[in-house]
Amino acid sequence: IVIITGRPVDQARRLGRFEEGPGLERLVVCGQYGAERWDASSGEVR
């Protein structure tokens, strides 16, 4: 599952509440149309 949004990646993570419960440990969020990326599996933000 990947979220591809125009929002900054940290905003999308907060407003999506993706880290507040189980099930999305492999989620990827690509922010600002893909210029930013967060991988739930590693916690890495690029």
All heavy atoms as atom14 arrays in JSON, in Angstrom:
{
  "sequence": "IVIITGRPVDQARRLGRFEEGPGLERLVVCGQYGAERWDASSGEVR",
  "atom14_mask": [
    [1, 1, 1, 1, 1, 1, 1, 1, 0, 0, 0, 0, 0, 0],
    [1, 1, 1, 1, 1, 1, 1, 0, 0, 0, 0, 0, 0, 0],
    [1, 1, 1, 1, 1, 1, 1, 1, 0, 0, 0, 0, 0, 0],
    [1, 1, 1, 1, 1, 1, 1, 1, 0, 0, 0, 0, 0, 0],
    [1, 1, 1, 1, 1, 1, 1, 0, 0, 0, 0, 0, 0, 0],
    [1, 1, 1, 1, 0, 0, 0, 0, 0, 0, 0, 0, 0, 0],
    [1, 1, 1, 1, 1, 1, 1, 1, 1, 1, 1, 0, 0, 0],
    [1, 1, 1, 1, 1, 1, 1, 0, 0, 0, 0, 0, 0, 0],
    [1, 1, 1, 1, 1, 1, 1, 0, 0, 0, 0, 0, 0, 0],
    [1, 1, 1, 1, 1, 1, 1, 1, 0, 0, 0, 0, 0, 0],
    [1, 1, 1, 1, 1, 1, 1, 1, 1, 0, 0, 0, 0, 0],
    [1, 1, 1, 1, 1, 0, 0, 0, 0, 0, 0, 0, 0, 0],
    [1, 1, 1, 1, 1, 1, 1, 1, 1, 1, 1, 0, 0, 0],
    [1, 1, 1, 1, 1, 1, 1, 1, 1, 1, 1, 0, 0, 0],
    [1, 1, 1, 1, 1, 1, 1, 1, 0, 0, 0, 0, 0, 0],
    [1, 1, 1, 1, 0, 0, 0, 0, 0, 0, 0, 0, 0, 0],
    [1, 1, 1, 1, 1, 1, 1, 1, 1, 1, 1, 0, 0, 0],
    [1, 1, 1, 1, 1, 1, 1, 1, 1, 1, 1, 0, 0, 0],
    [1, 1, 1, 1, 1, 1, 1, 1, 1, 0, 0, 0, 0, 0],
    [1, 1, 1, 1, 1, 1, 1, 1, 1, 0, 0, 0, 0, 0],
    [1, 1, 1, 1, 0, 0, 0, 0, 0, 0, 0, 0, 0, 0],
    [1, 1, 1, 1, 1, 1, 1, 0, 0, 0, 0, 0, 0, 0],
    [1, 1, 1, 1, 0, 0, 0, 0, 0, 0, 0, 0, 0, 0],
    [1, 1, 1, 1, 1, 1, 1, 1, 0, 0, 0, 0, 0, 0],
    [1, 1, 1, 1, 1, 1, 1, 1, 1, 0, 0, 0, 0, 0],
    [1, 1, 1, 1, 1, 1, 1, 1, 1, 1, 1, 0, 0, 0],
    [1, 1, 1, 1, 1, 1, 1, 1, 0, 0, 0, 0, 0, 0],
    [1, 1, 1, 1, 1, 1, 1, 0, 0, 0, 0, 0, 0, 0],
    [1, 1, 1, 1, 1, 1, 1, 0, 0, 0, 0, 0, 0, 0],
    [1, 1, 1, 1, 1, 1, 0, 0, 0, 0, 0, 0, 0, 0],
    [1, 1, 1, 1, 0, 0, 0, 0, 0, 0, 0, 0, 0, 0],
    [1, 1, 1, 1, 1, 1, 1, 1, 1, 0, 0, 0, 0, 0],
    [1, 1, 1, 1, 1, 1, 1, 1, 1, 1, 1, 1, 0, 0],
    [1, 1, 1, 1, 0, 0, 0, 0, 0, 0, 0, 0, 0, 0],
    [1, 1, 1, 1, 1, 0, 0, 0, 0, 0, 0, 0, 0, 0],
    [1, 1, 1, 1, 1, 1, 1, 1, 1, 0, 0, 0, 0, 0],
    [1, 1, 1, 1, 1, 1, 1, 1, 1, 1, 1, 0, 0, 0],
    [1, 1, 1, 1, 1, 1, 1, 1, 1, 1, 1, 1, 1, 1],
    [1, 1, 1, 1, 1, 1, 1, 1, 0, 0, 0, 0, 0, 0],
    [1, 1, 1, 1, 1, 0, 0, 0, 0, 0, 0, 0, 0, 0],
    [1, 1, 1, 1, 1, 1, 0, 0, 0, 0, 0, 0, 0, 0],
    [1, 1, 1, 1, 1, 1, 0, 0, 0, 0, 0, 0, 0, 0],
    [1, 1, 1, 1, 0, 0, 0, 0, 0, 0, 0, 0, 0, 0],
    [1, 1, 1, 1, 1, 1, 1, 1, 1, 0, 0, 0, 0, 0],
    [1, 1, 1, 1, 1, 1, 1, 0, 0, 0, 0, 0, 0, 0],
    [1, 1, 1, 1, 1, 1, 1, 1, 1, 1, 1, 0, 0, 0]
  ],
  "atom14_positions": [
    [[0.87, -1.18, 0.0], [0.0, 0.0, 0.0], [0.9, 1.22, 0.0], [1.84, 1.32, 0.8], [-0.94, 0.04, 1.22], [-1.86, -1.18, 1.25], [-1.77, 1.32, 1.21], [-2.77, -1.24, 2.48], [0.0, 0.0, 0.0], [0.0, 0.0, 0.0], [0.0, 0.0, 0.0], [0.0, 0.0, 0.0], [0.0, 0.0, 0.0], [0.0, 0.0, 0.0]],
    [[0.62, 2.16, -0.9], [1.4, 3.39, -0.97], [0.44, 4.58, -1.07], [-0.57, 4.52, -1.76], [2.38, 3.37, -2.16], [1.65, 3.2, -3.47], [3.21, 4.65, -2.2], [0.0, 0.0, 0.0], [0.0, 0.0, 0.0], [0.0, 0.0, 0.0], [0.0, 0.0, 0.0], [0.0, 0.0, 0.0], [0.0, 0.0, 0.0], [0.0, 0.0, 0.0]],
    [[0.74, 5.62, -0.32], [0.02, 6.88, -0.42], [0.89, 7.82, -1.25], [2.06, 8.04, -0.93], [-0.23, 7.51, 0.97], [-0.84, 6.49, 1.95], [-1.09, 8.76, 0.85], [-2.17, 5.94, 1.54], [0.0, 0.0, 0.0], [0.0, 0.0, 0.0], [0.0, 0.0, 0.0], [0.0, 0.0, 0.0], [0.0, 0.0, 0.0], [0.0, 0.0, 0.0]],
    [[0.32, 8.39, -2.32], [1.03, 9.34, -3.16], [0.26, 10.65, -3.1], [-0.86, 10.75, -3.62], [1.15, 8.84, -4.61], [1.82, 7.46, -4.64], [1.95, 9.83, -5.45], [1.92, 6.86, -6.05], [0.0, 0.0, 0.0], [0.0, 0.0, 0.0], [0.0, 0.0, 0.0], [0.0, 0.0, 0.0], [0.0, 0.0, 0.0], [0.0, 0.0, 0.0]],
    [[0.83, 11.64, -2.45], [0.11, 12.86, -2.13], [0.94, 14.1, -2.41], [2.17, 14.05, -2.41], [-0.32, 12.83, -0.64], [-0.91, 14.09, -0.28], [0.88, 12.59, 0.27], [0.0, 0.0, 0.0], [0.0, 0.0, 0.0], [0.0, 0.0, 0.0], [0.0, 0.0, 0.0], [0.0, 0.0, 0.0], [0.0, 0.0, 0.0], [0.0, 0.0, 0.0]],
    [[0.24, 15.2, -2.65], [0.92, 16.48, -2.77], [1.33, 17.05, -1.43], [2.11, 18.01, -1.37], [0.0, 0.0, 0.0], [0.0, 0.0, 0.0], [0.0, 0.0, 0.0], [0.0, 0.0, 0.0], [0.0, 0.0, 0.0], [0.0, 0.0, 0.0], [0.0, 0.0, 0.0], [0.0, 0.0, 0.0], [0.0, 0.0, 0.0], [0.0, 0.0, 0.0]],
    [[0.82, 16.5, -0.36], [1.17, 16.99, 0.98], [2.62, 16.66, 1.33], [3.15, 15.64, 0.89], [0.28, 16.31, 2.03], [-1.08, 16.9, 2.18], [-1.77, 16.3, 3.38], [-3.09, 16.86, 3.53], [-3.36, 17.97, 4.21], [-2.38, 18.63, 4.79], [-4.6, 18.41, 4.31], [0.0, 0.0, 0.0], [0.0, 0.0, 0.0], [0.0, 0.0, 0.0]],
    [[3.23, 17.46, 2.21], [4.5, 17.02, 2.81], [4.3, 15.69, 3.51], [3.24, 15.4, 4.08], [4.8, 18.15, 3.81], [4.11, 19.34, 3.26], [2.84, 18.82, 2.63], [0.0, 0.0, 0.0], [0.0, 0.0, 0.0], [0.0, 0.0, 0.0], [0.0, 0.0, 0.0], [0.0, 0.0, 0.0], [0.0, 0.0, 0.0], [0.0, 0.0, 0.0]],
    [[5.3, 14.85, 3.46], [5.17, 13.48, 3.94], [4.84, 13.45, 5.43], [4.04, 12.62, 5.88], [6.44, 12.68, 3.62], [7.62, 13.11, 4.46], [6.19, 11.19, 3.75], [0.0, 0.0, 0.0], [0.0, 0.0, 0.0], [0.0, 0.0, 0.0], [0.0, 0.0, 0.0], [0.0, 0.0, 0.0], [0.0, 0.0, 0.0], [0.0, 0.0, 0.0]],
    [[5.4, 14.35, 6.23], [5.12, 14.33, 7.67], [3.68, 14.73, 7.96], [3.07, 14.21, 8.9], [6.1, 15.26, 8.41], [7.53, 14.74, 8.36], [7.72, 13.52, 8.17], [8.46, 15.55, 8.51], [0.0, 0.0, 0.0], [0.0, 0.0, 0.0], [0.0, 0.0, 0.0], [0.0, 0.0, 0.0], [0.0, 0.0, 0.0], [0.0, 0.0, 0.0]],
    [[3.13, 15.66, 7.18], [1.71, 16.02, 7.33], [0.82, 14.83, 7.04], [-0.14, 14.55, 7.76], [1.35, 17.15, 6.37], [1.55, 18.55, 6.89], [0.91, 19.56, 5.96], [0.21, 19.22, 5.0], [1.17, 20.82, 6.22], [0.0, 0.0, 0.0], [0.0, 0.0, 0.0], [0.0, 0.0, 0.0], [0.0, 0.0, 0.0], [0.0, 0.0, 0.0]],
    [[1.11, 14.13, 5.95], [0.29, 12.97, 5.58], [0.35, 11.89, 6.64], [-0.66, 11.25, 6.96], [0.74, 12.43, 4.22], [0.0, 0.0, 0.0], [0.0, 0.0, 0.0], [0.0, 0.0, 0.0], [0.0, 0.0, 0.0], [0.0, 0.0, 0.0], [0.0, 0.0, 0.0], [0.0, 0.0, 0.0], [0.0, 0.0, 0.0], [0.0, 0.0, 0.0]],
    [[1.51, 11.67, 7.21], [1.65, 10.68, 8.28], [0.79, 11.07, 9.48], [0.11, 10.22, 10.08], [3.1, 10.56, 8.71], [4.0, 9.9, 7.69], [5.46, 10.12, 8.02], [5.83, 9.52, 9.31], [7.01, 9.73, 9.91], [7.91, 10.53, 9.35], [7.26, 9.15, 11.06], [0.0, 0.0, 0.0], [0.0, 0.0, 0.0], [0.0, 0.0, 0.0]],
    [[0.82, 12.35, 9.85], [0.05, 12.81, 11.02], [-1.44, 12.73, 10.76], [-2.2, 12.17, 11.57], [0.45, 14.25, 11.36], [-0.31, 14.85, 12.55], [0.14, 16.27, 12.85], [-0.23, 17.19, 11.8], [-1.41, 17.81, 11.72], [-2.35, 17.58, 12.64], [-1.67, 18.65, 10.75], [0.0, 0.0, 0.0], [0.0, 0.0, 0.0], [0.0, 0.0, 0.0]],
    [[-1.89, 13.29, 9.63], [-3.32, 13.33, 9.34], [-3.88, 11.95, 8.98], [-5.06, 11.71, 9.13], [-3.59, 14.31, 8.2], [-3.32, 15.78, 8.54], [-3.38, 16.65, 7.28], [-4.3, 16.29, 9.58], [0.0, 0.0, 0.0], [0.0, 0.0, 0.0], [0.0, 0.0, 0.0], [0.0, 0.0, 0.0], [0.0, 0.0, 0.0], [0.0, 0.0, 0.0]],
    [[-2.99, 11.06, 8.53], [-3.43, 9.7, 8.22], [-3.46, 8.79, 9.43], [-4.04, 7.7, 9.36], [0.0, 0.0, 0.0], [0.0, 0.0, 0.0], [0.0, 0.0, 0.0], [0.0, 0.0, 0.0], [0.0, 0.0, 0.0], [0.0, 0.0, 0.0], [0.0, 0.0, 0.0], [0.0, 0.0, 0.0], [0.0, 0.0, 0.0], [0.0, 0.0, 0.0]],
    [[-2.81, 9.19, 10.52], [-2.77, 8.38, 11.74], [-2.26, 6.96, 11.46], [-2.65, 6.0, 12.11], [-4.16, 8.32, 12.4], [-4.66, 9.68, 12.88], [-6.02, 9.58, 13.55], [-6.3, 10.76, 14.35], [-7.42, 11.48, 14.26], [-8.37, 11.12, 13.41], [-7.61, 12.52, 15.02], [0.0, 0.0, 0.0], [0.0, 0.0, 0.0], [0.0, 0.0, 0.0]],
    [[-1.37, 6.87, 10.5], [-0.92, 5.56, 10.04], [-0.08, 4.82, 11.08], [0.03, 3.6, 11.02], [-0.11, 5.71, 8.75], [-0.87, 6.34, 7.62], [-0.37, 7.46, 6.97], [-2.08, 5.82, 7.21], [-1.06, 8.04, 5.92], [-2.79, 6.4, 6.17], [-2.27, 7.52, 5.52], [0.0, 0.0, 0.0], [0.0, 0.0, 0.0], [0.0, 0.0, 0.0]],
    [[0.51, 5.56, 12.01], [1.42, 4.94, 12.98], [0.76, 4.7, 14.33], [1.43, 4.33, 15.3], [2.65, 5.81, 13.14], [3.44, 5.96, 11.85], [4.38, 7.14, 11.85], [5.49, 7.01, 12.4], [4.0, 8.21, 11.31], [0.0, 0.0, 0.0], [0.0, 0.0, 0.0], [0.0, 0.0, 0.0], [0.0, 0.0, 0.0], [0.0, 0.0, 0.0]],
    [[-0.55, 4.89, 14.41], [-1.25, 4.79, 15.69], [-1.85, 3.41, 15.95], [-2.58, 3.23, 16.92], [-2.34, 5.86, 15.76], [-1.79, 7.29, 15.76], [-2.89, 8.33, 15.81], [-4.06, 7.96, 16.05], [-2.58, 9.52, 15.6], [0.0, 0.0, 0.0], [0.0, 0.0, 0.0], [0.0, 0.0, 0.0], [0.0, 0.0, 0.0], [0.0, 0.0, 0.0]],
    [[-1.57, 2.46, 15.09], [-2.12, 1.13, 15.28], [-1.48, 0.14, 14.32], [-0.64, 0.51, 13.49], [0.0, 0.0, 0.0], [0.0, 0.0, 0.0], [0.0, 0.0, 0.0], [0.0, 0.0, 0.0], [0.0, 0.0, 0.0], [0.0, 0.0, 0.0], [0.0, 0.0, 0.0], [0.0, 0.0, 0.0], [0.0, 0.0, 0.0], [0.0, 0.0, 0.0]],
    [[-1.87, -1.12, 14.41], [-1.24, -2.17, 13.61], [-1.8, -2.25, 12.19], [-2.84, -1.68, 11.88], [-1.59, -3.43, 14.39], [-2.92, -3.11, 15.01], [-2.87, -1.65, 15.35], [0.0, 0.0, 0.0], [0.0, 0.0, 0.0], [0.0, 0.0, 0.0], [0.0, 0.0, 0.0], [0.0, 0.0, 0.0], [0.0, 0.0, 0.0], [0.0, 0.0, 0.0]],
    [[-1.09, -2.98, 11.34], [-1.58, -3.33, 10.01], [-0.86, -2.63, 8.88], [-0.92, -3.1, 7.75], [0.0, 0.0, 0.0], [0.0, 0.0, 0.0], [0.0, 0.0, 0.0], [0.0, 0.0, 0.0], [0.0, 0.0, 0.0], [0.0, 0.0, 0.0], [0.0, 0.0, 0.0], [0.0, 0.0, 0.0], [0.0, 0.0, 0.0], [0.0, 0.0, 0.0]],
    [[-0.21, -1.5, 9.17], [0.41, -0.73, 8.1], [1.93, -0.66, 8.27], [2.56, 0.35, 7.94], [-0.2, 0.68, 8.06], [-1.68, 0.72, 7.67], [-2.25, 2.12, 7.82], [-1.89, 0.2, 6.25], [0.0, 0.0, 0.0], [0.0, 0.0, 0.0], [0.0, 0.0, 0.0], [0.0, 0.0, 0.0], [0.0, 0.0, 0.0], [0.0, 0.0, 0.0]],
    [[2.5, -1.75, 8.75], [3.94, -1.78, 9.0], [4.77, -1.74, 7.72], [5.97, -1.45, 7.76], [4.3, -3.03, 9.81], [3.78, -3.0, 11.24], [2.32, -3.4, 11.37], [1.72, -3.85, 10.35], [1.76, -3.28, 12.49], [0.0, 0.0, 0.0], [0.0, 0.0, 0.0], [0.0, 0.0, 0.0], [0.0, 0.0, 0.0], [0.0, 0.0, 0.0]],
    [[4.15, -2.01, 6.56], [4.87, -1.95, 5.28], [4.41, -0.77, 4.42], [4.77, -0.68, 3.24], [4.68, -3.25, 4.51], [5.3, -4.47, 5.2], [5.12, -5.73, 4.36], [3.72, -6.12, 4.26], [3.04, -6.24, 3.12], [3.64, -5.99, 1.97], [1.78, -6.62, 3.12], [0.0, 0.0, 0.0], [0.0, 0.0, 0.0], [0.0, 0.0, 0.0]],
    [[3.65, 0.14, 4.99], [3.14, 1.29, 4.24], [4.28, 2.18, 3.74], [5.29, 2.36, 4.42], [2.2, 2.12, 5.13], [1.61, 3.38, 4.51], [0.59, 3.03, 3.43], [0.96, 4.25, 5.59], [0.0, 0.0, 0.0], [0.0, 0.0, 0.0], [0.0, 0.0, 0.0], [0.0, 0.0, 0.0], [0.0, 0.0, 0.0], [0.0, 0.0, 0.0]],
    [[4.08, 2.73, 2.55], [4.98, 3.74, 2.01], [4.16, 5.01, 1.76], [3.06, 4.93, 1.2], [5.64, 3.27, 0.7], [6.45, 4.4, 0.06], [6.52, 2.06, 0.95], [0.0, 0.0, 0.0], [0.0, 0.0, 0.0], [0.0, 0.0, 0.0], [0.0, 0.0, 0.0], [0.0, 0.0, 0.0], [0.0, 0.0, 0.0], [0.0, 0.0, 0.0]],
    [[4.67, 6.15, 2.21], [4.03, 7.44, 1.93], [4.99, 8.27, 1.1], [6.12, 8.55, 1.52], [3.66, 8.19, 3.21], [3.04, 9.55, 2.87], [2.69, 7.37, 4.07], [0.0, 0.0, 0.0], [0.0, 0.0, 0.0], [0.0, 0.0, 0.0], [0.0, 0.0, 0.0], [0.0, 0.0, 0.0], [0.0, 0.0, 0.0], [0.0, 0.0, 0.0]],
    [[4.55, 8.64, -0.1], [5.33, 9.51, -0.98], [4.69, 10.9, -0.94], [3.56, 11.08, -1.41], [5.32, 8.97, -2.41], [6.1, 7.35, -2.57], [0.0, 0.0, 0.0], [0.0, 0.0, 0.0], [0.0, 0.0, 0.0], [0.0, 0.0, 0.0], [0.0, 0.0, 0.0], [0.0, 0.0, 0.0], [0.0, 0.0, 0.0], [0.0, 0.0, 0.0]],
    [[5.39, 11.85, -0.36], [4.87, 13.2, -0.2], [5.38, 14.15, -1.26], [6.37, 13.87, -1.94], [0.0, 0.0, 0.0], [0.0, 0.0, 0.0], [0.0, 0.0, 0.0], [0.0, 0.0, 0.0], [0.0, 0.0, 0.0], [0.0, 0.0, 0.0], [0.0, 0.0, 0.0], [0.0, 0.0, 0.0], [0.0, 0.0, 0.0], [0.0, 0.0, 0.0]],
    [[4.67, 15.29, -1.4], [5.03, 16.32, -2.38], [5.23, 15.71, -3.77], [6.23, 15.92, -4.43], [6.26, 17.09, -1.9], [6.08, 17.61, -0.48], [6.4, 19.07, -0.3], [6.19, 19.88, -1.18], [6.93, 19.41, 0.86], [0.0, 0.0, 0.0], [0.0, 0.0, 0.0], [0.0, 0.0, 0.0], [0.0, 0.0, 0.0], [0.0, 0.0, 0.0]],
    [[4.23, 14.89, -4.14], [4.17, 14.24, -5.45], [5.25, 13.19, -5.66], [5.41, 12.67, -6.76], [4.21, 15.29, -6.58], [3.05, 16.25, -6.51], [3.14, 17.42, -5.76], [1.86, 15.97, -7.15], [2.07, 18.28, -5.64], [0.77, 16.84, -7.04], [0.89, 17.99, -6.28], [-0.19, 18.83, -6.17], [0.0, 0.0, 0.0], [0.0, 0.0, 0.0]],
    [[5.96, 12.85, -4.6], [7.0, 11.83, -4.7], [8.39, 12.35, -4.44], [9.35, 11.57, -4.39], [0.0, 0.0, 0.0], [0.0, 0.0, 0.0], [0.0, 0.0, 0.0], [0.0, 0.0, 0.0], [0.0, 0.0, 0.0], [0.0, 0.0, 0.0], [0.0, 0.0, 0.0], [0.0, 0.0, 0.0], [0.0, 0.0, 0.0], [0.0, 0.0, 0.0]],
    [[8.54, 13.66, -4.23], [9.85, 14.21, -3.9], [10.31, 13.73, -2.52], [11.52, 13.65, -2.26], [9.81, 15.74, -3.94], [0.0, 0.0, 0.0], [0.0, 0.0, 0.0], [0.0, 0.0, 0.0], [0.0, 0.0, 0.0], [0.0, 0.0, 0.0], [0.0, 0.0, 0.0], [0.0, 0.0, 0.0], [0.0, 0.0, 0.0], [0.0, 0.0, 0.0]],
    [[9.36, 13.44, -1.64], [9.67, 12.91, -0.31], [9.13, 11.48, -0.21], [8.16, 11.12, -0.87], [9.0, 13.76, 0.78], [9.42, 15.21, 0.8], [8.69, 15.99, 1.87], [7.52, 15.66, 2.15], [9.28, 16.93, 2.41], [0.0, 0.0, 0.0], [0.0, 0.0, 0.0], [0.0, 0.0, 0.0], [0.0, 0.0, 0.0], [0.0, 0.0, 0.0]],
    [[9.76, 10.69, 0.68], [9.28, 9.3, 0.87], [9.57, 8.86, 2.3], [10.65, 9.11, 2.85], [9.98, 8.36, -0.11], [9.64, 6.89, 0.12], [10.15, 6.01, -0.98], [10.04, 4.58, -0.63], [9.77, 3.62, -1.49], [9.57, 3.91, -2.78], [9.72, 2.36, -1.1], [0.0, 0.0, 0.0], [0.0, 0.0, 0.0], [0.0, 0.0, 0.0]],
    [[8.56, 8.2, 2.88], [8.7, 7.58, 4.21], [8.32, 6.11, 4.09], [7.28, 5.77, 3.51], [7.79, 8.26, 5.22], [7.69, 7.53, 6.53], [8.64, 7.44, 7.5], [6.54, 6.8, 7.02], [8.17, 6.7, 8.56], [6.9, 6.29, 8.29], [5.28, 6.54, 6.5], [6.0, 5.54, 9.05], [4.39, 5.79, 7.25], [4.76, 5.3, 8.53]],
    [[9.17, 5.24, 4.61], [8.91, 3.8, 4.63], [8.63, 3.38, 6.07], [9.51, 3.51, 6.93], [10.11, 3.04, 4.09], [10.27, 3.18, 2.6], [10.8, 4.22, 2.15], [9.86, 2.27, 1.87], [0.0, 0.0, 0.0], [0.0, 0.0, 0.0], [0.0, 0.0, 0.0], [0.0, 0.0, 0.0], [0.0, 0.0, 0.0], [0.0, 0.0, 0.0]],
    [[7.43, 2.88, 6.31], [7.07, 2.46, 7.67], [7.97, 1.34, 8.15], [8.28, 1.25, 9.35], [5.61, 2.04, 7.72], [0.0, 0.0, 0.0], [0.0, 0.0, 0.0], [0.0, 0.0, 0.0], [0.0, 0.0, 0.0], [0.0, 0.0, 0.0], [0.0, 0.0, 0.0], [0.0, 0.0, 0.0], [0.0, 0.0, 0.0], [0.0, 0.0, 0.0]],
    [[8.4, 0.48, 7.25], [9.18, -0.69, 7.67], [10.52, -0.3, 8.29], [11.0, -0.97, 9.21], [9.42, -1.61, 6.47], [10.12, -0.93, 5.45], [0.0, 0.0, 0.0], [0.0, 0.0, 0.0], [0.0, 0.0, 0.0], [0.0, 0.0, 0.0], [0.0, 0.0, 0.0], [0.0, 0.0, 0.0], [0.0, 0.0, 0.0], [0.0, 0.0, 0.0]],
    [[11.11, 0.78, 7.83], [12.42, 1.22, 8.35], [12.34, 2.5, 9.15], [13.25, 2.82, 9.91], [13.39, 1.43, 7.18], [12.96, 2.5, 6.36], [0.0, 0.0, 0.0], [0.0, 0.0, 0.0], [0.0, 0.0, 0.0], [0.0, 0.0, 0.0], [0.0, 0.0, 0.0], [0.0, 0.0, 0.0], [0.0, 0.0, 0.0], [0.0, 0.0, 0.0]],
    [[11.24, 3.25, 8.98], [11.13, 4.56, 9.61], [11.93, 5.64, 8.91], [11.96, 6.78, 9.34], [0.0, 0.0, 0.0], [0.0, 0.0, 0.0], [0.0, 0.0, 0.0], [0.0, 0.0, 0.0], [0.0, 0.0, 0.0], [0.0, 0.0, 0.0], [0.0, 0.0, 0.0], [0.0, 0.0, 0.0], [0.0, 0.0, 0.0], [0.0, 0.0, 0.0]],
    [[12.55, 5.29, 7.78], [13.41, 6.24, 7.08], [12.58, 7.26, 6.31], [11.59, 6.92, 5.65], [14.32, 5.49, 6.1], [15.25, 6.4, 5.31], [16.05, 5.65, 4.26], [15.77, 4.45, 4.04], [16.95, 6.28, 3.66], [0.0, 0.0, 0.0], [0.0, 0.0, 0.0], [0.0, 0.0, 0.0], [0.0, 0.0, 0.0], [0.0, 0.0, 0.0]],
    [[12.99, 8.53, 6.39], [12.39, 9.6, 5.61], [13.46, 10.15, 4.67], [14.56, 10.49, 5.1], [11.86, 10.75, 6.49], [11.31, 11.87, 5.62], [10.77, 10.24, 7.43], [0.0, 0.0, 0.0], [0.0, 0.0, 0.0], [0.0, 0.0, 0.0], [0.0, 0.0, 0.0], [0.0, 0.0, 0.0], [0.0, 0.0, 0.0], [0.0, 0.0, 0.0]],
    [[13.13, 10.2, 3.39], [14.03, 10.79, 2.41], [13.38, 12.03, 1.83], [12.24, 11.97, 1.37], [14.34, 9.78, 1.3], [15.31, 8.69, 1.72], [15.44, 7.63, 0.64], [14.36, 6.65, 0.74], [14.13, 5.71, -0.17], [14.85, 5.66, -1.26], [13.15, 4.85, 0.01], [0.0, 0.0, 0.0], [0.0, 0.0, 0.0], [0.0, 0.0, 0.0]]
  ]
}
